[in-house]
Amino acid sequence: MESNIMVCVTQQKNCERLIHEGKVLIDHSDENSKLYVIHVVNEKDKFLYQLDDSEALEYLFEVSKEVDAELIVKRNNEVLKVLTKTAKELGITDIVMGSAKNKVQTSRFEEKLRMKLKNLNFHVL
């Protein structure tokens, strides 16, 4: 079955595990399936903590390239809106996202995203 999987990464360097989970899902899908890695950053924030932006982008590009994923990076203060719009434009079927240390904050964000993208499969690690 064809799937379009979107891995949502944040400023944490351990986002690599999310990308590899997306790879596992895509490996169990149709050959026409596509894997996307998306990182939406607030306009004043760094792309990854403790790295300058060029190093962070290089890191994300390399990890995405290893799993044959298309990397999408956007600067925007409306993260939820950007993720929703991108998922609809790309025909996403599955979303992979991480759970933050603040479970309440993660749950609220996840709940809002699920409400906007009702028919998608969510994989929260």
Protein backbone atom coordinates (compact mmCIF):
# COMPACT_ATOMS: atom_id res chain seq x y z
CA MET A 1 0.00 0.00 0.00
CA GLU A 2 1.35 3.43 -0.94
CA SER A 3 2.19 5.69 1.98
CA ASN A 4 3.53 9.18 2.32
CA ILE A 5 5.23 9.50 5.67
CA MET A 6 6.12 12.82 7.28
CA VAL A 7 8.62 12.80 10.13
CA CYS A 8 8.32 15.92 12.28
CA VAL A 9 11.62 16.80 13.90
CA THR A 10 12.45 19.47 16.45
CA GLN A 11 15.54 21.18 17.74
CA GLN A 12 16.70 18.06 19.59
CA LYS A 13 19.67 16.26 18.10
CA ASN A 14 18.08 12.89 18.92
CA CYS A 15 15.62 13.49 16.08
CA GLU A 16 17.63 10.89 14.18
CA ARG A 17 15.65 8.12 15.91
CA LEU A 18 12.41 9.59 14.55
CA ILE A 19 13.83 9.68 11.04
CA HIS A 20 14.90 6.05 11.30
CA GLU A 21 11.41 5.09 12.51
CA GLY A 22 10.04 6.77 9.38
CA LYS A 23 12.46 4.64 7.35
CA VAL A 24 11.14 1.47 9.01
CA LEU A 25 7.59 2.46 8.09
CA ILE A 26 8.52 3.32 4.50
CA ASP A 27 10.35 0.00 4.13
CA HIS A 28 7.04 -1.76 4.84
CA SER A 29 5.16 0.28 2.24
CA ASP A 30 4.68 0.29 -1.50
CA GLU A 31 7.68 1.17 -3.68
CA ASN A 32 5.96 4.42 -4.70
CA SER A 33 5.79 5.59 -1.09
CA LYS A 34 7.69 8.70 -0.07
CA LEU A 35 9.42 9.77 3.12
CA TYR A 36 9.61 13.42 4.15
CA VAL A 37 11.44 14.97 7.08
CA ILE A 38 10.08 18.34 8.12
CA HIS A 39 11.49 20.81 10.57
CA VAL A 40 9.54 23.99 11.29
CA VAL A 41 11.46 26.50 13.37
CA ASN A 42 10.17 29.64 15.03
CA GLU A 43 11.68 32.64 13.32
CA LYS A 44 14.03 33.61 16.17
CA ASP A 45 15.12 30.09 17.20
CA LYS A 46 18.14 28.07 16.12
CA PHE A 47 17.58 25.01 13.94
CA LEU A 48 19.16 22.67 16.48
CA TYR A 49 20.28 23.42 20.00
CA GLN A 50 24.05 23.74 20.47
CA LEU A 51 24.77 23.86 16.74
CA ASP A 52 24.93 26.86 14.46
CA ASP A 53 22.35 26.85 11.69
CA SER A 54 24.69 25.69 8.93
CA GLU A 55 25.86 22.70 11.01
CA ALA A 56 22.28 21.88 11.97
CA LEU A 57 21.07 21.94 8.39
CA GLU A 58 24.00 19.81 7.27
CA TYR A 59 23.23 17.29 10.00
CA LEU A 60 19.53 17.09 9.08
CA PHE A 61 20.36 16.86 5.38
CA GLU A 62 22.83 14.00 5.92
CA VAL A 63 20.48 11.98 8.14
CA SER A 64 17.60 12.51 5.70
CA LYS A 65 19.79 11.56 2.74
CA GLU A 66 20.83 8.31 4.48
CA VAL A 67 17.20 7.15 4.46
CA ASP A 68 16.33 8.63 1.04
CA ALA A 69 13.97 11.22 2.54
CA GLU A 70 13.19 14.68 1.24
CA LEU A 71 14.11 17.33 3.80
CA ILE A 72 11.76 20.29 4.25
CA VAL A 73 12.88 23.15 6.51
CA LYS A 74 10.72 26.18 7.16
CA ARG A 75 10.95 29.22 9.43
CA ASN A 76 7.53 30.15 10.70
CA ASN A 77 5.97 30.96 14.07
CA GLU A 78 2.81 29.01 13.21
CA VAL A 79 4.20 25.47 13.42
CA LEU A 80 0.83 23.73 13.59
CA LYS A 81 -0.48 25.59 10.55
CA VAL A 82 2.66 24.80 8.50
CA LEU A 83 2.59 21.09 9.41
CA THR A 84 -1.11 20.82 8.59
CA LYS A 85 -0.76 22.59 5.24
CA THR A 86 2.32 20.59 4.25
CA ALA A 87 0.69 17.27 5.19
CA LYS A 88 -2.32 18.06 3.04
CA GLU A 89 -0.23 19.26 0.08
CA LEU A 90 1.94 16.13 0.11
CA GLY A 91 -0.90 13.64 0.63
CA ILE A 92 0.61 12.41 3.89
CA THR A 93 -0.83 9.18 5.31
CA ASP A 94 1.38 8.81 8.41
CA ILE A 95 3.06 11.23 10.79
CA VAL A 96 6.00 10.31 13.01
CA MET A 97 6.68 12.65 15.90
CA GLY A 98 8.42 12.60 19.23
CA SER A 99 7.12 13.10 22.69
CA ALA A 100 8.71 15.93 24.68
CA LYS A 101 9.73 15.81 28.33
CA ASN A 102 6.67 17.96 28.99
CA LYS A 103 4.03 15.33 28.21
CA VAL A 104 1.16 17.78 28.70
CA GLN A 105 2.57 20.17 26.10
CA THR A 106 3.19 17.29 23.68
CA SER A 107 -0.32 15.94 24.20
CA ARG A 108 -1.92 19.32 23.49
CA PHE A 109 0.10 19.83 20.32
CA GLU A 110 -0.53 16.27 19.17
CA GLU A 111 -4.25 16.62 19.91
CA LYS A 112 -4.47 19.84 17.88
CA LEU A 113 -2.60 18.23 14.98
CA ARG A 114 -4.82 15.14 15.10
CA MET A 115 -7.93 17.35 15.01
CA LYS A 116 -6.67 19.07 11.86
CA LEU A 117 -5.50 15.84 10.20
CA LYS A 118 -8.20 13.39 11.27
CA ASN A 119 -7.59 10.56 8.82
CA LEU A 120 -3.83 10.15 9.32
CA ASN A 121 -1.95 7.53 11.29
CA PHE A 122 0.16 9.00 14.10
CA HIS A 123 3.28 7.31 15.46
CA VAL A 124 4.41 9.09 18.62
CA LEU A 125 7.72 7.91 20.06
